[in-house]
Amino acid sequence: MKDKDELLDSIEEVIAPKKKLDVNYLAMTYLVMAIVIALAFFKIYIHQQIYYESRKIAKLRAERDLLKEENKVIESSVEAMRFKNQIADTMFDDEE
C-alpha cells in the first residue's frame, strides 16, 4: 500500500507539479501592484487638474460675458451722452 501511495504521489507531481513561490515572484507581484497604483493615482490627479482648470475657465467665461454686457451698457450710455451733446451744441449754435 505504501508503494502505491508513493507511486501516486510521484505521478501527481509529474501531472500537476506544486509551484513554489520564490522571492522573485513576490517582488514582481509587488512591482506590478506598485505600477498599477501609481498609474491610478496619476489618472486621478490628471482628472482633478482638468476639473479645476475647467472650473477656472467657466468662471473666466462668466466674467467675460458680464464684462461684455457691461461694455454694451457703457457704450449705449456714451452714445446717449454724445447725442445729448450734439443736441445741446446745435441749440447753442442756433442762439448765436
Foldseek 3Di string as FASTA:
>chain_A
DVVVVVVVVVVCCVVPNDDDDDPVNVVVVVVVVVVVVVVVVVVVVVVVVVVVVVVVVVVVVVVVVVVVVVVVVVVVVVVVVVVVVVVVVVVVVVVD
